[in-house]
N, C-alpha and C. Protein backbone atom coordinates (compact mmCIF):
# COMPACT_ATOMS: atom_id res chain seq x y z
N ILE A 1 17.11 8.47 -1.10
CA ILE A 1 16.66 7.99 0.19
C ILE A 1 15.68 6.83 0.02
N LEU A 2 14.78 6.94 -0.91
CA LEU A 2 13.76 5.91 -1.09
C LEU A 2 14.05 4.96 -2.23
N GLY A 3 15.24 5.02 -2.77
CA GLY A 3 15.63 4.09 -3.81
C GLY A 3 15.30 4.50 -5.23
N LEU A 4 14.91 5.73 -5.44
CA LEU A 4 14.61 6.21 -6.79
C LEU A 4 15.82 6.94 -7.37
N ASP A 5 15.95 6.86 -8.69
CA ASP A 5 16.99 7.67 -9.32
C ASP A 5 16.53 9.12 -9.35
N ILE A 6 17.44 10.04 -9.58
CA ILE A 6 17.13 11.47 -9.49
C ILE A 6 16.09 11.91 -10.51
N VAL A 7 16.12 11.36 -11.70
CA VAL A 7 15.15 11.74 -12.74
C VAL A 7 13.74 11.32 -12.33
N SER A 8 13.60 10.10 -11.85
CA SER A 8 12.28 9.61 -11.44
C SER A 8 11.77 10.37 -10.23
N ALA A 9 12.65 10.68 -9.28
CA ALA A 9 12.24 11.40 -8.08
C ALA A 9 11.77 12.81 -8.43
N MET A 10 12.57 13.53 -9.21
CA MET A 10 12.20 14.90 -9.58
C MET A 10 10.95 14.92 -10.45
N ALA A 11 10.83 13.97 -11.37
CA ALA A 11 9.68 13.94 -12.27
C ALA A 11 8.41 13.58 -11.52
N SER A 12 8.49 12.68 -10.56
CA SER A 12 7.28 12.33 -9.82
C SER A 12 6.82 13.47 -8.92
N VAL A 13 7.75 14.20 -8.32
CA VAL A 13 7.37 15.36 -7.51
C VAL A 13 6.78 16.45 -8.40
N ALA A 14 7.39 16.71 -9.55
CA ALA A 14 6.86 17.72 -10.46
C ALA A 14 5.48 17.33 -10.99
N ALA A 15 5.29 16.06 -11.28
CA ALA A 15 4.00 15.60 -11.80
C ALA A 15 2.91 15.71 -10.75
N THR A 16 3.22 15.38 -9.50
CA THR A 16 2.19 15.46 -8.47
C THR A 16 1.96 16.89 -8.00
N LEU A 17 3.01 17.68 -7.91
CA LEU A 17 2.86 19.07 -7.47
C LEU A 17 2.09 19.88 -8.50
N GLY A 18 2.35 19.64 -9.77
CA GLY A 18 1.67 20.38 -10.82
C GLY A 18 0.42 19.71 -11.34
N ASN A 19 0.13 18.49 -10.86
CA ASN A 19 -1.03 17.73 -11.32
C ASN A 19 -1.06 17.66 -12.84
N VAL A 20 0.08 17.26 -13.42
CA VAL A 20 0.20 17.26 -14.88
C VAL A 20 0.25 15.88 -15.50
N GLY A 21 0.04 14.83 -14.74
CA GLY A 21 0.02 13.50 -15.33
C GLY A 21 1.30 12.74 -15.12
N PRO A 22 1.66 11.88 -16.07
CA PRO A 22 2.82 11.00 -15.86
C PRO A 22 4.13 11.77 -15.87
N GLY A 23 5.11 11.18 -15.21
CA GLY A 23 6.42 11.80 -15.14
C GLY A 23 7.38 11.18 -16.12
N LEU A 24 8.65 11.16 -15.74
CA LEU A 24 9.71 10.60 -16.57
C LEU A 24 10.38 9.46 -15.82
N GLY A 25 11.16 8.71 -16.51
CA GLY A 25 11.91 7.63 -15.86
C GLY A 25 11.02 6.50 -15.42
N LEU A 26 11.18 6.08 -14.18
CA LEU A 26 10.42 4.94 -13.66
C LEU A 26 8.94 5.22 -13.49
N VAL A 27 8.54 6.47 -13.43
CA VAL A 27 7.12 6.82 -13.28
C VAL A 27 6.59 7.43 -14.57
N GLY A 28 7.06 6.94 -15.68
CA GLY A 28 6.66 7.44 -16.99
C GLY A 28 5.28 6.98 -17.40
N PRO A 29 4.90 7.21 -18.64
CA PRO A 29 3.55 6.93 -19.11
C PRO A 29 3.16 5.46 -19.11
N ILE A 30 4.13 4.54 -19.12
CA ILE A 30 3.76 3.12 -19.13
C ILE A 30 4.02 2.45 -17.79
N GLN A 31 4.39 3.18 -16.79
CA GLN A 31 4.64 2.64 -15.45
C GLN A 31 3.63 3.23 -14.46
N THR A 32 3.65 2.73 -13.24
CA THR A 32 2.77 3.24 -12.19
C THR A 32 3.61 3.66 -10.98
N TYR A 33 2.94 4.17 -9.99
CA TYR A 33 3.59 4.55 -8.75
C TYR A 33 3.57 3.40 -7.74
N ALA A 34 3.20 2.21 -8.16
CA ALA A 34 3.03 1.07 -7.25
C ALA A 34 4.33 0.66 -6.57
N PHE A 35 5.47 0.86 -7.20
CA PHE A 35 6.74 0.41 -6.63
C PHE A 35 7.30 1.38 -5.60
N ILE A 36 6.72 2.55 -5.47
CA ILE A 36 7.22 3.55 -4.53
C ILE A 36 6.83 3.13 -3.11
N PRO A 37 7.75 3.19 -2.15
CA PRO A 37 7.45 2.80 -0.78
C PRO A 37 6.38 3.70 -0.16
N PRO A 38 5.73 3.23 0.92
CA PRO A 38 4.65 4.01 1.55
C PRO A 38 5.05 5.43 1.95
N LEU A 39 6.26 5.62 2.48
CA LEU A 39 6.70 6.97 2.85
C LEU A 39 6.77 7.87 1.62
N GLY A 40 7.23 7.34 0.52
CA GLY A 40 7.28 8.11 -0.72
C GLY A 40 5.89 8.48 -1.22
N LYS A 41 4.94 7.57 -1.06
CA LYS A 41 3.57 7.87 -1.47
C LYS A 41 2.95 8.95 -0.60
N ILE A 42 3.30 8.96 0.67
CA ILE A 42 2.81 10.02 1.56
C ILE A 42 3.37 11.37 1.13
N VAL A 43 4.66 11.41 0.83
CA VAL A 43 5.29 12.66 0.36
C VAL A 43 4.64 13.12 -0.94
N LEU A 44 4.41 12.21 -1.87
CA LEU A 44 3.79 12.57 -3.14
C LEU A 44 2.34 13.00 -2.95
N THR A 45 1.64 12.41 -1.99
CA THR A 45 0.27 12.83 -1.69
C THR A 45 0.24 14.25 -1.16
N ILE A 46 1.18 14.58 -0.28
CA ILE A 46 1.27 15.95 0.25
C ILE A 46 1.60 16.92 -0.88
N CYS A 47 2.49 16.53 -1.78
CA CYS A 47 2.81 17.38 -2.93
C CYS A 47 1.57 17.60 -3.80
N MET A 48 0.78 16.56 -3.99
CA MET A 48 -0.42 16.68 -4.80
C MET A 48 -1.42 17.63 -4.14
N LEU A 49 -1.58 17.53 -2.82
CA LEU A 49 -2.49 18.43 -2.12
C LEU A 49 -1.99 19.87 -2.18
N LEU A 50 -0.68 20.07 -2.03
CA LEU A 50 -0.12 21.42 -2.15
C LEU A 50 -0.35 21.98 -3.54
N GLY A 51 -0.24 21.16 -4.55
CA GLY A 51 -0.48 21.61 -5.91
C GLY A 51 -1.94 21.93 -6.16
N ARG A 52 -2.84 21.16 -5.58
CA ARG A 52 -4.27 21.41 -5.76
C ARG A 52 -4.73 22.65 -5.01
N LEU A 53 -4.27 22.80 -3.78
CA LEU A 53 -4.74 23.90 -2.94
C LEU A 53 -3.99 25.20 -3.20
N GLU A 54 -2.92 25.14 -3.95
CA GLU A 54 -2.01 26.26 -4.15
C GLU A 54 -1.23 26.49 -2.86
N ILE A 55 -0.01 26.82 -2.99
CA ILE A 55 0.88 26.91 -1.83
C ILE A 55 0.49 28.07 -0.92
N TYR A 56 -0.09 29.14 -1.48
CA TYR A 56 -0.48 30.28 -0.64
C TYR A 56 -1.62 29.92 0.29
N THR A 57 -2.55 29.12 -0.15
CA THR A 57 -3.65 28.68 0.71
C THR A 57 -3.11 27.87 1.87
N VAL A 58 -2.19 26.99 1.61
CA VAL A 58 -1.60 26.17 2.67
C VAL A 58 -0.81 27.05 3.63
N LEU A 59 -0.08 28.02 3.13
CA LEU A 59 0.66 28.92 4.01
C LEU A 59 -0.27 29.71 4.90
N ILE A 60 -1.40 30.15 4.38
CA ILE A 60 -2.38 30.87 5.19
C ILE A 60 -2.90 29.98 6.31
N LEU A 61 -3.11 28.72 6.02
CA LEU A 61 -3.63 27.80 7.03
C LEU A 61 -2.65 27.55 8.16
N VAL A 62 -1.35 27.61 7.89
CA VAL A 62 -0.37 27.27 8.92
C VAL A 62 0.32 28.48 9.55
N VAL A 63 0.08 29.69 9.05
CA VAL A 63 0.71 30.89 9.62
C VAL A 63 -0.18 31.44 10.73
N PRO A 64 0.31 31.47 11.97
CA PRO A 64 -0.52 31.93 13.09
C PRO A 64 -0.91 33.41 13.00
N GLU A 65 -0.08 34.25 12.37
CA GLU A 65 -0.40 35.68 12.29
C GLU A 65 -1.70 35.93 11.52
N PHE A 66 -2.01 35.09 10.57
CA PHE A 66 -3.24 35.25 9.80
C PHE A 66 -4.46 35.07 10.69
N TRP A 67 -4.41 34.16 11.63
CA TRP A 67 -5.57 33.85 12.47
C TRP A 67 -5.72 34.83 13.62
N ARG A 68 -4.70 35.61 13.94
CA ARG A 68 -4.78 36.57 15.04
C ARG A 68 -5.51 37.85 14.66
N LYS A 69 -5.59 38.14 13.37
CA LYS A 69 -6.20 39.40 12.92
C LYS A 69 -7.70 39.33 12.98
C-alpha cells in the first residue's frame, strides 16, 4: 500500500513493535525511515507506542467494561 516491499514492511513493524532497533531490507542498519510516507510513519509510531505500553495496557484503556467496574 505504501510502496514498501514485504520484507521491509514486516521488518519495520517488528522493529517498532518490539523496540529492537533496525530492521531488514530498506530499513536495515545503514538506512533510515526517512523515505517512508507520513501515513506509514504514523502507523509505525502507533506500533512503537503499543510495544512500549504493552498491548494489554492499551486494551484496558479502550475496553469500556474495565471502566464500568
